Amino acid sequence: MKNFSVITILLIVISITIGCSSKKNDPTANPPTNLVINATVAQDSSGNVSFTATATNAVSYLFDFGDGNNQTVTTGTVNYKYSKTGVYSVSVTAKSSAGLTALVSTQITVALPVKLLWSDEFNVDGAPDATKWGYDLGGGGWGNNEKEYYTSRTDNAFVQGGYLNIVLKKESYNGSSYTSARMLTKNKFSFYYGHVDIKAMLPAGLGTWPALWMLGSDIDAAPWPACGEIDIMEQRGSELNKIYGTLHYPGRSGANGNGSTTNIQNATTQFHVYSLDWSPTFVKISVDGLVYQTVPNNSTLPFNANFFFIFNVAMGGDFGGTVDPNFTSATMFVDYIRVYQ
């Protein structure tokens, strides 16, 4: 009887030991390991992306596509179509049969085709297209102590040979010593979010101040700087080839604008492309494809509503500075402006 009890106890101990060992080695009790994700972005600009995730001990994969959508699959393979251009952070959570998880992330860039929303190629000689452009008129310094008087005359703005010409001239006119043009698309065209290319050759001369810029369309109801301002390009005649890109808004107006500069070559003798990339999350300004100013955008800023364009060449003032007394005239040439969305 005593020997039987000992044998029984030994069998029970062996059984428990084997059971514990089996449970310890059960792969379902282990978390997924060696989790890897691969992404292949289609090169046809369709927005299609093929994802493949693999892991040891995984029975399902939860894909978070980085655009607010997710999908769970058991195979680890999924095809997804993005609807917007962007850079997306994609994460995959692998899960074992016991509910244990592992996480890995990757970043992808999706580029969808953009469409031309609006443009002016300046291919018809004569006055600028009145369906696209109007004018600010007058003198008085324009809030910057400028010296020019803006007109709508073809002396100061005209199209010839495929180029818009904005001419700054030294002449006595309505109490001012200089004339120029300040063209704008207000009440004719405005937009928000997209890509802008403006191909231009800038004027030279001490005191000149060419600008390719934008103002919020609600400026009459929300006076500057509440309406917002995007300066895609500014140059001072005293610093030729130094290009300014600046955003103005409440708290960052005037000389305190949120801006940066870049230096290029031959700004006044060759054409360059001045560009804007604008989205709900950023405003980027570039020259010839080189981004040199990036401002994060958010709902507290005025850069989430329609803006219109302004092209002008000012003289002197707070930014233009000292004027060459021997100056006679200078021209800003614009080859085209194109807006994509």
C-alpha atoms as a PDB file:
ATOM      1  CA  MET A   1       0.000   0.000   0.000  1.00  0.00           C
ATOM      2  CA  LYS A   2       2.824   2.337   0.841  1.00  0.00           C
ATOM      3  CA  ASN A   3       4.658   1.565  -2.420  1.00  0.00           C
ATOM      4  CA  PHE A   4       1.467   2.202  -4.414  1.00  0.00           C
ATOM      5  CA  SER A   5       1.098   5.684  -2.893  1.00  0.00           C
ATOM      6  CA  VAL A   6       4.647   6.633  -3.790  1.00  0.00           C
ATOM      7  CA  ILE A   7       4.191   5.495  -7.369  1.00  0.00           C
ATOM      8  CA  THR A   8       0.919   7.403  -7.627  1.00  0.00           C
ATOM      9  CA  ILE A   9       2.503  10.603  -6.360  1.00  0.00           C
ATOM     10  CA  LEU A  10       5.379  10.255  -8.815  1.00  0.00           C
ATOM     11  CA  LEU A  11       2.967   9.815 -11.722  1.00  0.00           C
ATOM     12  CA  ILE A  12       1.031  12.895 -10.691  1.00  0.00           C
ATOM     13  CA  VAL A  13       4.246  14.965 -10.470  1.00  0.00           C
ATOM     14  CA  ILE A  14       5.387  13.719 -13.877  1.00  0.00           C
ATOM     15  CA  SER A  15       1.970  14.552 -15.363  1.00  0.00           C
ATOM     16  CA  ILE A  16       2.021  18.069 -13.977  1.00  0.00           C
ATOM     17  CA  THR A  17       5.596  18.603 -15.191  1.00  0.00           C
ATOM     18  CA  ILE A  18       4.768  17.430 -18.694  1.00  0.00           C
ATOM     19  CA  GLY A  19       1.668  19.630 -18.744  1.00  0.00           C
ATOM     20  CA  CYS A  20       3.587  22.719 -17.693  1.00  0.00           C
ATOM     21  CA  SER A  21       6.326  22.003 -20.194  1.00  0.00           C
ATOM     22  CA  SER A  22       3.801  21.583 -23.009  1.00  0.00           C
ATOM     23  CA  LYS A  23       2.100  24.862 -22.102  1.00  0.00           C
ATOM     24  CA  LYS A  24       5.408  26.684 -21.945  1.00  0.00           C
ATOM     25  CA  ASN A  25       6.345  25.491 -25.436  1.00  0.00           C
ATOM     26  CA  ASP A  26       2.914  26.202 -26.929  1.00  0.00           C
ATOM     27  CA  PRO A  27       3.575  28.760 -29.762  1.00  0.00           C
ATOM     28  CA  THR A  28       0.083  30.226 -29.336  1.00  0.00           C
ATOM     29  CA  ALA A  29       1.152  31.508 -25.933  1.00  0.00           C
ATOM     30  CA  ASN A  30       4.006  33.547 -27.475  1.00  0.00           C
ATOM     31  CA  PRO A  31       3.679  37.016 -29.014  1.00  0.00           C
ATOM     32  CA  PRO A  32       4.295  37.483 -32.755  1.00  0.00           C
ATOM     33  CA  THR A  33       7.947  37.974 -33.620  1.00  0.00           C
ATOM     34  CA  ASN A  34       9.979  38.994 -36.682  1.00  0.00           C
ATOM     35  CA  LEU A  35       7.193  41.282 -37.876  1.00  0.00           C
ATOM     36  CA  VAL A  36       8.022  42.868 -41.238  1.00  0.00           C
ATOM     37  CA  ILE A  37       5.933  45.093 -43.533  1.00  0.00           C
ATOM     38  CA  ASN A  38       6.599  45.770 -47.210  1.00  0.00           C
ATOM     39  CA  ALA A  39       4.781  48.359 -49.317  1.00  0.00           C
ATOM     40  CA  THR A  40       4.751  48.720 -53.105  1.00  0.00           C
ATOM     41  CA  VAL A  41       3.307  51.981 -54.446  1.00  0.00           C
ATOM     42  CA  ALA A  42       1.901  51.683 -57.968  1.00  0.00           C
ATOM     43  CA  GLN A  43       3.827  53.802 -60.468  1.00  0.00           C
ATOM     44  CA  ASP A  44       0.742  54.685 -62.518  1.00  0.00           C
ATOM     45  CA  SER A  45      -0.359  57.478 -60.131  1.00  0.00           C
ATOM     46  CA  SER A  46      -3.508  55.480 -59.350  1.00  0.00           C
ATOM     47  CA  GLY A  47      -3.059  55.678 -55.585  1.00  0.00           C
ATOM     48  CA  ASN A  48      -2.931  51.884 -55.303  1.00  0.00           C
ATOM     49  CA  VAL A  49      -0.527  50.409 -52.752  1.00  0.00           C
ATOM     50  CA  SER A  50       0.169  46.708 -52.117  1.00  0.00           C
ATOM     51  CA  PHE A  51       1.058  45.782 -48.542  1.00  0.00           C
ATOM     52  CA  THR A  52       2.528  42.514 -47.288  1.00  0.00           C
ATOM     53  CA  ALA A  53       3.146  41.766 -43.601  1.00  0.00           C
ATOM     54  CA  THR A  54       4.740  38.624 -42.205  1.00  0.00           C
ATOM     55  CA  ALA A  55       5.411  37.491 -38.644  1.00  0.00           C
ATOM     56  CA  THR A  56       6.056  34.326 -36.679  1.00  0.00           C
ATOM     57  CA  ASN A  57       3.100  33.200 -34.505  1.00  0.00           C
ATOM     58  CA  ALA A  58       0.686  35.702 -36.148  1.00  0.00           C
ATOM     59  CA  VAL A  59      -2.864  34.703 -37.078  1.00  0.00           C
ATOM     60  CA  SER A  60      -4.141  38.156 -38.114  1.00  0.00           C
ATOM     61  CA  TYR A  61      -2.857  41.570 -39.152  1.00  0.00           C
ATOM     62  CA  LEU A  62      -4.503  44.956 -38.515  1.00  0.00           C
ATOM     63  CA  PHE A  63      -3.420  47.547 -41.099  1.00  0.00           C
ATOM     64  CA  ASP A  64      -3.768  51.242 -40.198  1.00  0.00           C
ATOM     65  CA  PHE A  65      -3.343  53.057 -43.528  1.00  0.00           C
ATOM     66  CA  GLY A  66      -2.573  56.453 -42.002  1.00  0.00           C
ATOM     67  CA  ASP A  67      -5.585  58.205 -43.548  1.00  0.00           C
ATOM     68  CA  GLY A  68      -8.168  57.306 -40.927  1.00  0.00           C
ATOM     69  CA  ASN A  69      -8.978  53.878 -42.385  1.00  0.00           C
ATOM     70  CA  ASN A  70      -7.927  50.392 -41.277  1.00  0.00           C
ATOM     71  CA  GLN A  71      -8.464  46.763 -42.255  1.00  0.00           C
ATOM     72  CA  THR A  72      -7.851  43.376 -40.628  1.00  0.00           C
ATOM     73  CA  VAL A  73      -6.705  40.396 -42.724  1.00  0.00           C
ATOM     74  CA  THR A  74      -5.490  36.909 -41.911  1.00  0.00           C
ATOM     75  CA  THR A  75      -3.134  36.466 -44.844  1.00  0.00           C
ATOM     76  CA  GLY A  76      -0.963  39.540 -44.195  1.00  0.00           C
ATOM     77  CA  THR A  77      -1.568  40.767 -47.744  1.00  0.00           C
ATOM     78  CA  VAL A  78      -3.852  43.668 -48.631  1.00  0.00           C
ATOM     79  CA  ASN A  79      -4.297  46.131 -51.493  1.00  0.00           C
ATOM     80  CA  TYR A  80      -5.424  49.678 -50.678  1.00  0.00           C
ATOM     81  CA  LYS A  81      -6.266  52.726 -52.799  1.00  0.00           C
ATOM     82  CA  TYR A  82      -5.471  56.217 -51.480  1.00  0.00           C
ATOM     83  CA  SER A  83      -7.669  59.093 -52.596  1.00  0.00           C
ATOM     84  CA  LYS A  84      -5.275  61.970 -51.920  1.00  0.00           C
ATOM     85  CA  THR A  85      -1.640  62.815 -52.500  1.00  0.00           C
ATOM     86  CA  GLY A  86       0.376  62.713 -49.305  1.00  0.00           C
ATOM     87  CA  VAL A  87       2.956  61.123 -47.054  1.00  0.00           C
ATOM     88  CA  TYR A  88       1.328  58.438 -44.913  1.00  0.00           C
ATOM     89  CA  SER A  89       2.545  56.620 -41.805  1.00  0.00           C
ATOM     90  CA  VAL A  90       1.248  53.060 -42.092  1.00  0.00           C
ATOM     91  CA  SER A  91       1.267  50.687 -39.124  1.00  0.00           C
ATOM     92  CA  VAL A  92       0.556  46.947 -38.829  1.00  0.00           C
ATOM     93  CA  THR A  93      -0.441  45.178 -35.646  1.00  0.00           C
ATOM     94  CA  ALA A  94       0.154  41.408 -35.770  1.00  0.00           C
ATOM     95  CA  LYS A  95      -1.872  39.277 -33.322  1.00  0.00           C
ATOM     96  CA  SER A  96      -1.344  35.712 -32.105  1.00  0.00           C
ATOM     97  CA  SER A  97      -4.124  33.242 -31.353  1.00  0.00           C
ATOM     98  CA  ALA A  98      -3.717  34.075 -27.678  1.00  0.00           C
ATOM     99  CA  GLY A  99      -4.305  37.766 -28.384  1.00  0.00           C
ATOM    100  CA  LEU A 100      -0.704  38.869 -27.961  1.00  0.00           C
ATOM    101  CA  THR A 101       0.441  41.596 -30.378  1.00  0.00           C
ATOM    102  CA  ALA A 102       3.429  43.183 -32.082  1.00  0.00           C
ATOM    103  CA  LEU A 103       3.538  46.507 -33.945  1.00  0.00           C
ATOM    104  CA  VAL A 104       5.624  47.859 -36.833  1.00  0.00           C
ATOM    105  CA  SER A 105       5.307  51.049 -38.937  1.00  0.00           C
ATOM    106  CA  THR A 106       6.529  52.374 -42.255  1.00  0.00           C
ATOM    107  CA  GLN A 107       6.131  55.576 -44.267  1.00  0.00           C
ATOM    108  CA  ILE A 108       4.974  55.811 -47.867  1.00  0.00           C
ATOM    109  CA  THR A 109       4.543  58.661 -50.355  1.00  0.00           C
ATOM    110  CA  VAL A 110       1.539  58.647 -52.671  1.00  0.00           C
ATOM    111  CA  ALA A 111       1.428  61.048 -55.632  1.00  0.00           C
ATOM    112  CA  LEU A 112      -1.866  61.324 -57.478  1.00  0.00           C
ATOM    113  CA  PRO A 113      -2.247  63.246 -60.729  1.00  0.00           C
ATOM    114  CA  VAL A 114      -3.079  66.922 -60.345  1.00  0.00           C
ATOM    115  CA  LYS A 115      -5.337  68.901 -62.635  1.00  0.00           C
ATOM    116  CA  LEU A 116      -4.800  72.396 -63.973  1.00  0.00           C
ATOM    117  CA  LEU A 117      -7.352  74.529 -62.148  1.00  0.00           C
ATOM    118  CA  TRP A 118      -6.555  77.969 -63.567  1.00  0.00           C
ATOM    119  CA  SER A 119      -3.803  79.640 -65.562  1.00  0.00           C
ATOM    120  CA  ASP A 120      -2.713  82.570 -67.656  1.00  0.00           C
ATOM    121  CA  GLU A 121      -0.100  81.888 -70.327  1.00  0.00           C
ATOM    122  CA  PHE A 122       0.017  85.551 -71.472  1.00  0.00           C
ATOM    123  CA  ASN A 123      -0.077  84.589 -75.126  1.00  0.00           C
ATOM    124  CA  VAL A 124      -2.367  87.343 -76.449  1.00  0.00           C
ATOM    125  CA  ASP A 125      -0.678  90.691 -77.067  1.00  0.00           C
ATOM    126  CA  GLY A 126      -2.270  93.810 -75.658  1.00  0.00           C
ATOM    127  CA  ALA A 127      -3.823  94.616 -72.315  1.00  0.00           C
ATOM    128  CA  PRO A 128      -3.879  91.761 -69.762  1.00  0.00           C
ATOM    129  CA  ASP A 129      -6.961  89.535 -69.868  1.00  0.00           C
ATOM    130  CA  ALA A 130      -9.694  91.546 -68.135  1.00  0.00           C
ATOM    131  CA  THR A 131     -11.609  88.357 -67.268  1.00  0.00           C
ATOM    132  CA  LYS A 132      -8.673  87.309 -65.093  1.00  0.00           C
ATOM    133  CA  TRP A 133      -7.052  90.522 -63.873  1.00  0.00           C
ATOM    134  CA  GLY A 134      -8.107  93.768 -62.303  1.00  0.00           C
ATOM    135  CA  TYR A 135      -6.014  96.595 -60.816  1.00  0.00           C
ATOM    136  CA  ASP A 136      -5.342  98.361 -57.568  1.00  0.00           C
ATOM    137  CA  LEU A 137      -5.020 102.057 -58.379  1.00  0.00           C
ATOM    138  CA  GLY A 138      -3.422 105.055 -56.705  1.00  0.00           C
ATOM    139  CA  GLY A 139      -0.491 106.189 -54.602  1.00  0.00           C
ATOM    140  CA  GLY A 140      -0.167 107.269 -51.019  1.00  0.00           C
ATOM    141  CA  GLY A 141       2.479 104.757 -49.977  1.00  0.00           C
ATOM    142  CA  TRP A 142       0.244 101.666 -49.701  1.00  0.00           C
ATOM    143  CA  GLY A 143       1.034 101.334 -45.997  1.00  0.00           C
ATOM    144  CA  ASN A 144       4.749 100.883 -46.710  1.00  0.00           C
ATOM    145  CA  ASN A 145       5.806 104.430 -47.691  1.00  0.00           C
ATOM    146  CA  GLU A 146       6.182 103.328 -51.311  1.00  0.00           C
ATOM    147  CA  LYS A 147       6.859 105.976 -53.949  1.00  0.00           C
ATOM    148  CA  GLU A 148       4.926 104.698 -56.987  1.00  0.00           C
ATOM    149  CA  TYR A 149       1.445 105.433 -58.309  1.00  0.00           C
ATOM    150  CA  TYR A 150      -0.361 102.355 -59.612  1.00  0.00           C
ATOM    151  CA  THR A 151      -2.250 102.686 -62.885  1.00  0.00           C
ATOM    152  CA  SER A 152      -4.219 100.456 -65.248  1.00  0.00           C
ATOM    153  CA  ARG A 153      -2.496 101.916 -68.322  1.00  0.00           C
ATOM    154  CA  THR A 154      -0.816  99.694 -70.867  1.00  0.00           C
ATOM    155  CA  ASP A 155       2.226 101.906 -70.249  1.00  0.00           C
ATOM    156  CA  ASN A 156       2.615  99.978 -67.001  1.00  0.00           C
ATOM    157  CA  ALA A 157       1.070  96.574 -67.758  1.00  0.00           C
ATOM    158  CA  PHE A 158       0.789  94.814 -71.101  1.00  0.00           C
ATOM    159  CA  VAL A 159       1.282  91.443 -72.781  1.00  0.00           C
ATOM    160  CA  GLN A 160       3.766  91.103 -75.619  1.00  0.00           C
ATOM    161  CA  GLY A 161       5.551  88.171 -77.192  1.00  0.00           C
ATOM    162  CA  GLY A 162       4.172  85.643 -74.722  1.00  0.00           C
ATOM    163  CA  TYR A 163       5.073  87.598 -71.587  1.00  0.00           C
ATOM    164  CA  LEU A 164       3.283  89.834 -69.144  1.00  0.00           C
ATOM    165  CA  ASN A 165       5.250  93.064 -68.693  1.00  0.00           C
ATOM    166  CA  ILE A 166       4.839  95.072 -65.483  1.00  0.00           C
ATOM    167  CA  VAL A 167       6.802  98.276 -66.003  1.00  0.00           C
ATOM    168  CA  LEU A 168       8.037 100.537 -63.237  1.00  0.00           C
ATOM    169  CA  LYS A 169       8.775 103.981 -64.699  1.00  0.00           C
ATOM    170  CA  LYS A 170      10.225 107.208 -63.403  1.00  0.00           C
ATOM    171  CA  GLU A 171       7.676 109.876 -64.320  1.00  0.00           C
ATOM    172  CA  SER A 172       5.651 112.537 -62.569  1.00  0.00           C
ATOM    173  CA  TYR A 173       2.088 111.283 -62.259  1.00  0.00           C
ATOM    174  CA  ASN A 174      -0.692 112.445 -59.933  1.00  0.00           C
ATOM    175  CA  GLY A 175       1.754 113.683 -57.314  1.00  0.00           C
ATOM    176  CA  SER A 176       4.070 110.663 -57.457  1.00  0.00           C
ATOM    177  CA  SER A 177       7.506 110.399 -59.048  1.00  0.00           C
ATOM    178  CA  TYR A 178       7.048 106.828 -60.356  1.00  0.00           C
ATOM    179  CA  THR A 179       4.312 104.730 -61.959  1.00  0.00           C
ATOM    180  CA  SER A 180       3.769 100.994 -62.009  1.00  0.00           C
ATOM    181  CA  ALA A 181       0.981  98.386 -62.006  1.00  0.00           C
ATOM    182  CA  ARG A 182      -0.517  96.266 -59.272  1.00  0.00           C
ATOM    183  CA  MET A 183      -2.578  93.533 -60.926  1.00  0.00           C
ATOM    184  CA  LEU A 184      -4.856  91.226 -58.962  1.00  0.00           C
ATOM    185  CA  THR A 185      -7.405  88.438 -59.420  1.00  0.00           C
ATOM    186  CA  LYS A 186      -9.696  89.574 -56.602  1.00  0.00           C
ATOM    187  CA  ASN A 187     -13.362  88.829 -57.426  1.00  0.00           C
ATOM    188  CA  LYS A 188     -12.192  87.030 -60.591  1.00  0.00           C
ATOM    189  CA  PHE A 189     -10.291  83.990 -59.314  1.00  0.00           C
ATOM    190  CA  SER A 190      -9.439  82.620 -55.876  1.00  0.00           C
ATOM    191  CA  PHE A 191      -8.786  79.181 -54.413  1.00  0.00           C
ATOM    192  CA  TYR A 192      -7.305  77.344 -51.459  1.00  0.00           C
ATOM    193  CA  TYR A 193      -4.990  74.335 -51.270  1.00  0.00           C
ATOM    194  CA  GLY A 194      -3.022  73.210 -54.293  1.00  0.00           C
ATOM    195  CA  HIS A 195       0.182  73.916 -56.196  1.00  0.00           C
ATOM    196  CA  VAL A 196       1.176  77.182 -57.906  1.00  0.00           C
ATOM    197  CA  ASP A 197       3.957  77.774 -60.443  1.00  0.00           C
ATOM    198  CA  ILE A 198       4.866  81.289 -61.588  1.00  0.00           C
ATOM    199  CA  LYS A 199       7.673  81.638 -64.118  1.00  0.00           C
ATOM    200  CA  ALA A 200       9.163  85.115 -63.962  1.00  0.00           C
ATOM    201  CA  MET A 201      12.223  87.271 -64.578  1.00  0.00           C
ATOM    202  CA  LEU A 202      12.656  90.072 -62.071  1.00  0.00           C
ATOM    203  CA  PRO A 203      13.520  93.757 -62.532  1.00  0.00           C
ATOM    204  CA  ALA A 204      16.826  95.302 -61.467  1.00  0.00           C
ATOM    205  CA  GLY A 205      17.503  98.711 -59.992  1.00  0.00           C
ATOM    206  CA  LEU A 206      18.188 100.080 -56.521  1.00  0.00           C
ATOM    207  CA  GLY A 207      14.860 100.596 -54.779  1.00  0.00           C
ATOM    208  CA  THR A 208      12.815  98.177 -56.921  1.00  0.00           C
ATOM    209  CA  TRP A 209      10.505  95.808 -55.060  1.00  0.00           C
ATOM    210  CA  PRO A 210       8.844  93.152 -57.258  1.00  0.00           C
ATOM    211  CA  ALA A 211       6.341  90.806 -55.635  1.00  0.00           C
ATOM    212  CA  LEU A 212       4.263  87.758 -56.562  1.00  0.00           C
ATOM    213  CA  TRP A 213       1.885  87.239 -53.669  1.00  0.00           C
ATOM    214  CA  MET A 214      -1.585  86.449 -52.333  1.00  0.00           C
ATOM    215  CA  LEU A 215      -4.158  87.849 -49.914  1.00  0.00           C
ATOM    216  CA  GLY A 216      -7.142  86.232 -48.239  1.00  0.00           C
ATOM    217  CA  SER A 217     -10.347  86.863 -50.185  1.00  0.00           C
ATOM    218  CA  ASP A 218     -12.110  87.920 -46.991  1.00  0.00           C
ATOM    219  CA  ILE A 219      -9.848  90.961 -46.609  1.00  0.00           C
ATOM    220  CA  ASP A 220     -12.806  93.379 -46.701  1.00  0.00           C
ATOM    221  CA  ALA A 221     -14.429  91.638 -43.728  1.00  0.00           C
ATOM    222  CA  ALA A 222     -11.168  90.597 -42.029  1.00  0.00           C
ATOM    223  CA  PRO A 223      -8.622  93.391 -42.610  1.00  0.00           C
ATOM    224  CA  TRP A 224      -4.951  92.546 -42.892  1.00  0.00           C
ATOM    225  CA  PRO A 225      -3.284  90.685 -41.228  1.00  0.00           C
ATOM    226  CA  ALA A 226      -6.361  88.714 -40.124  1.00  0.00           C
ATOM    227  CA  CYS A 227      -7.046  87.762 -43.761  1.00  0.00           C
ATOM    228  CA  GLY A 228      -3.557  86.296 -44.150  1.00  0.00           C
ATOM    229  CA  GLU A 229      -0.859  86.970 -46.734  1.00  0.00           C
ATOM    230  CA  ILE A 230       1.351  84.564 -48.696  1.00  0.00           C
ATOM    231  CA  ASP A 231       4.398  86.129 -50.362  1.00  0.00           C
ATOM    232  CA  ILE A 232       5.548  83.586 -52.933  1.00  0.00           C
ATOM    233  CA  MET A 233       8.351  85.867 -54.133  1.00  0.00           C
ATOM    234  CA  GLU A 234       9.791  89.228 -53.130  1.00  0.00           C
ATOM    235  CA  GLN A 235      13.127  90.772 -54.040  1.00  0.00           C
ATOM    236  CA  ARG A 236      14.823  94.033 -53.099  1.00  0.00           C
ATOM    237  CA  GLY A 237      16.856  95.943 -55.663  1.00  0.00           C
ATOM    238  CA  SER A 238      19.595  96.334 -53.081  1.00  0.00           C
ATOM    239  CA  GLU A 239      19.890  92.532 -52.746  1.00  0.00           C
ATOM    240  CA  LEU A 240      19.472  91.122 -56.226  1.00  0.00           C
ATOM    241  CA  ASN A 241      19.130  87.316 -56.367  1.00  0.00           C
ATOM    242  CA  LYS A 242      18.053  87.096 -52.709  1.00  0.00           C
ATOM    243  CA  ILE A 243      14.499  85.769 -52.768  1.00  0.00           C
ATOM    244  CA  TYR A 244      12.097  86.190 -49.854  1.00  0.00           C
ATOM    245  CA  GLY A 245       9.201  83.838 -49.079  1.00  0.00           C
ATOM    246  CA  THR A 246       6.993  85.009 -46.213  1.00  0.00           C
ATOM    247  CA  LEU A 247       3.658  84.406 -44.517  1.00  0.00           C
ATOM    248  CA  HIS A 248       1.871  87.163 -42.606  1.00  0.00           C
ATOM    249  CA  TYR A 249      -0.944  86.578 -40.129  1.00  0.00           C
ATOM    250  CA  PRO A 250      -1.959  87.787 -36.648  1.00  0.00           C
ATOM    251  CA  GLY A 251       1.105  87.755 -34.436  1.00  0.00           C
ATOM    252  CA  ARG A 252       3.447  87.476 -37.449  1.00  0.00           C
ATOM    253  CA  SER A 253       2.754  90.635 -39.442  1.00  0.00           C
ATOM    254  CA  GLY A 254       4.945  93.356 -40.902  1.00  0.00           C
ATOM    255  CA  ALA A 255       8.653  92.916 -40.232  1.00  0.00           C
ATOM    256  CA  ASN A 256       7.755  90.004 -37.919  1.00  0.00           C
ATOM    257  CA  GLY A 257       6.443  87.880 -40.792  1.00  0.00           C
ATOM    258  CA  ASN A 258       7.145  84.151 -40.808  1.00  0.00           C
ATOM    259  CA  GLY A 259       9.691  84.148 -43.601  1.00  0.00           C
ATOM    260  CA  SER A 260      12.897  82.772 -45.016  1.00  0.00           C
ATOM    261  CA  THR A 261      15.216  83.557 -47.922  1.00  0.00           C
ATOM    262  CA  THR A 262      17.213  81.758 -50.575  1.00  0.00           C
ATOM    263  CA  ASN A 263      19.868  82.951 -52.984  1.00  0.00           C
ATOM    264  CA  ILE A 264      19.684  82.134 -56.675  1.00  0.00           C
ATOM    265  CA  GLN A 265      21.627  83.220 -59.735  1.00  0.00           C
ATOM    266  CA  ASN A 266      20.543  85.506 -62.576  1.00  0.00           C
ATOM    267  CA  ALA A 267      17.136  86.410 -61.121  1.00  0.00           C
ATOM    268  CA  THR A 268      17.038  89.557 -63.275  1.00  0.00           C
ATOM    269  CA  THR A 269      18.418  88.053 -66.500  1.00  0.00           C
ATOM    270  CA  GLN A 270      16.857  84.588 -66.584  1.00  0.00           C
ATOM    271  CA  PHE A 271      13.450  83.106 -65.829  1.00  0.00           C
ATOM    272  CA  HIS A 272      12.927  81.102 -62.654  1.00  0.00           C
ATOM    273  CA  VAL A 273       9.884  79.219 -61.369  1.00  0.00           C
ATOM    274  CA  TYR A 274       8.515  80.481 -58.060  1.00  0.00           C
ATOM    275  CA  SER A 275       6.190  77.933 -56.472  1.00  0.00           C
ATOM    276  CA  LEU A 276       3.729  77.408 -53.652  1.00  0.00           C
ATOM    277  CA  ASP A 277       2.566  74.086 -52.193  1.00  0.00           C
ATOM    278  CA  TRP A 278      -0.403  74.573 -49.901  1.00  0.00           C
ATOM    279  CA  SER A 279      -2.356  72.021 -47.872  1.00  0.00           C
ATOM    280  CA  PRO A 280      -4.296  71.820 -44.593  1.00  0.00           C
ATOM    281  CA  THR A 281      -1.056  70.813 -42.850  1.00  0.00           C
ATOM    282  CA  PHE A 282       1.635  73.009 -44.451  1.00  0.00           C
ATOM    283  CA  VAL A 283       2.494  75.969 -46.663  1.00  0.00           C
ATOM    284  CA  LYS A 284       5.728  75.514 -48.632  1.00  0.00           C
ATOM    285  CA  ILE A 285       7.499  78.090 -50.812  1.00  0.00           C
ATOM    286  CA  SER A 286      10.184  77.142 -53.335  1.00  0.00           C
ATOM    287  CA  VAL A 287      12.278  78.353 -56.255  1.00  0.00           C
ATOM    288  CA  ASP A 288      13.051  76.024 -59.162  1.00  0.00           C
ATOM    289  CA  GLY A 289      11.826  73.086 -57.090  1.00  0.00           C
ATOM    290  CA  LEU A 290      13.954  73.873 -54.025  1.00  0.00           C
ATOM    291  CA  VAL A 291      11.778  74.345 -50.930  1.00  0.00           C
ATOM    292  CA  TYR A 292      13.264  76.973 -48.622  1.00  0.00           C
ATOM    293  CA  GLN A 293      10.321  78.008 -46.456  1.00  0.00           C
ATOM    294  CA  THR A 294       7.849  75.686 -44.717  1.00  0.00           C
ATOM    295  CA  VAL A 295       5.170  76.807 -42.273  1.00  0.00           C
ATOM    296  CA  PRO A 296       2.936  74.238 -40.542  1.00  0.00           C
ATOM    297  CA  ASN A 297      -0.710  75.009 -41.229  1.00  0.00           C
ATOM    298  CA  ASN A 298      -3.575  74.429 -38.805  1.00  0.00           C
ATOM    299  CA  SER A 299      -7.135  75.552 -38.139  1.00  0.00           C
ATOM    300  CA  THR A 300      -6.007  78.569 -36.070  1.00  0.00           C
ATOM    301  CA  LEU A 301      -4.316  80.205 -39.069  1.00  0.00           C
ATOM    302  CA  PRO A 302      -6.067  82.064 -41.902  1.00  0.00           C
ATOM    303  CA  PHE A 303      -4.598  79.755 -44.580  1.00  0.00           C
ATOM    304  CA  ASN A 304      -7.658  77.525 -44.896  1.00  0.00           C
ATOM    305  CA  ALA A 305      -9.846  79.698 -47.105  1.00  0.00           C
ATOM    306  CA  ASN A 306      -9.758  81.312 -50.544  1.00  0.00           C
ATOM    307  CA  PHE A 307      -6.875  83.593 -51.536  1.00  0.00           C
ATOM    308  CA  PHE A 308      -6.362  85.720 -54.665  1.00  0.00           C
ATOM    309  CA  PHE A 309      -3.167  86.702 -56.522  1.00  0.00           C
ATOM    310  CA  ILE A 310      -1.372  90.051 -56.741  1.00  0.00           C
ATOM    311  CA  PHE A 311       1.495  90.873 -59.116  1.00  0.00           C
ATOM    312  CA  ASN A 312       3.203  94.253 -58.677  1.00  0.00           C
ATOM    313  CA  VAL A 313       6.474  96.170 -58.789  1.00  0.00           C
ATOM    314  CA  ALA A 314       6.820  98.792 -56.080  1.00  0.00           C
ATOM    315  CA  MET A 315       9.479 101.445 -55.639  1.00  0.00           C
ATOM    316  CA  GLY A 316      11.290 102.259 -52.398  1.00  0.00           C
ATOM    317  CA  GLY A 317       9.367 102.196 -49.167  1.00  0.00           C
ATOM    318  CA  ASP A 318      10.014 100.280 -45.971  1.00  0.00           C
ATOM    319  CA  PHE A 319      11.178  97.159 -47.801  1.00  0.00           C
ATOM    320  CA  GLY A 320      12.428  98.542 -51.126  1.00  0.00           C
ATOM    321  CA  GLY A 321      14.677 101.042 -49.370  1.00  0.00           C
ATOM    322  CA  THR A 322      16.906 103.637 -50.987  1.00  0.00           C
ATOM    323  CA  VAL A 323      16.133 104.547 -54.606  1.00  0.00           C
ATOM    324  CA  ASP A 324      18.766 105.079 -57.279  1.00  0.00           C
ATOM    325  CA  PRO A 325      18.416 108.748 -58.353  1.00  0.00           C
ATOM    326  CA  ASN A 326      19.438 107.778 -61.891  1.00  0.00           C
ATOM    327  CA  PHE A 327      16.760 105.077 -62.208  1.00  0.00           C
ATOM    328  CA  THR A 328      14.557 105.370 -65.329  1.00  0.00           C
ATOM    329  CA  SER A 329      12.606 102.116 -65.742  1.00  0.00           C
ATOM    330  CA  ALA A 330      12.597  98.371 -65.022  1.00  0.00           C
ATOM    331  CA  THR A 331      10.294  95.522 -65.996  1.00  0.00           C
ATOM    332  CA  MET A 332       9.133  92.292 -64.367  1.00  0.00           C
ATOM    333  CA  PHE A 333       8.376  89.660 -67.010  1.00  0.00           C
ATOM    334  CA  VAL A 334       5.972  86.809 -66.269  1.00  0.00           C
ATOM    335  CA  ASP A 335       5.880  83.849 -68.646  1.00  0.00           C
ATOM    336  CA  TYR A 336       2.940  82.079 -66.975  1.00  0.00           C
ATOM    337  CA  ILE A 337       1.024  81.388 -63.815  1.00  0.00           C
ATOM    338  CA  ARG A 338      -0.491  77.913 -63.308  1.00  0.00           C
ATOM    339  CA  VAL A 339      -2.626  76.663 -60.439  1.00  0.00           C
ATOM    340  CA  TYR A 340      -3.053  72.907 -59.918  1.00  0.00           C
ATOM    341  CA  GLN A 341      -5.327  70.974 -57.610  1.00  0.00           C
END
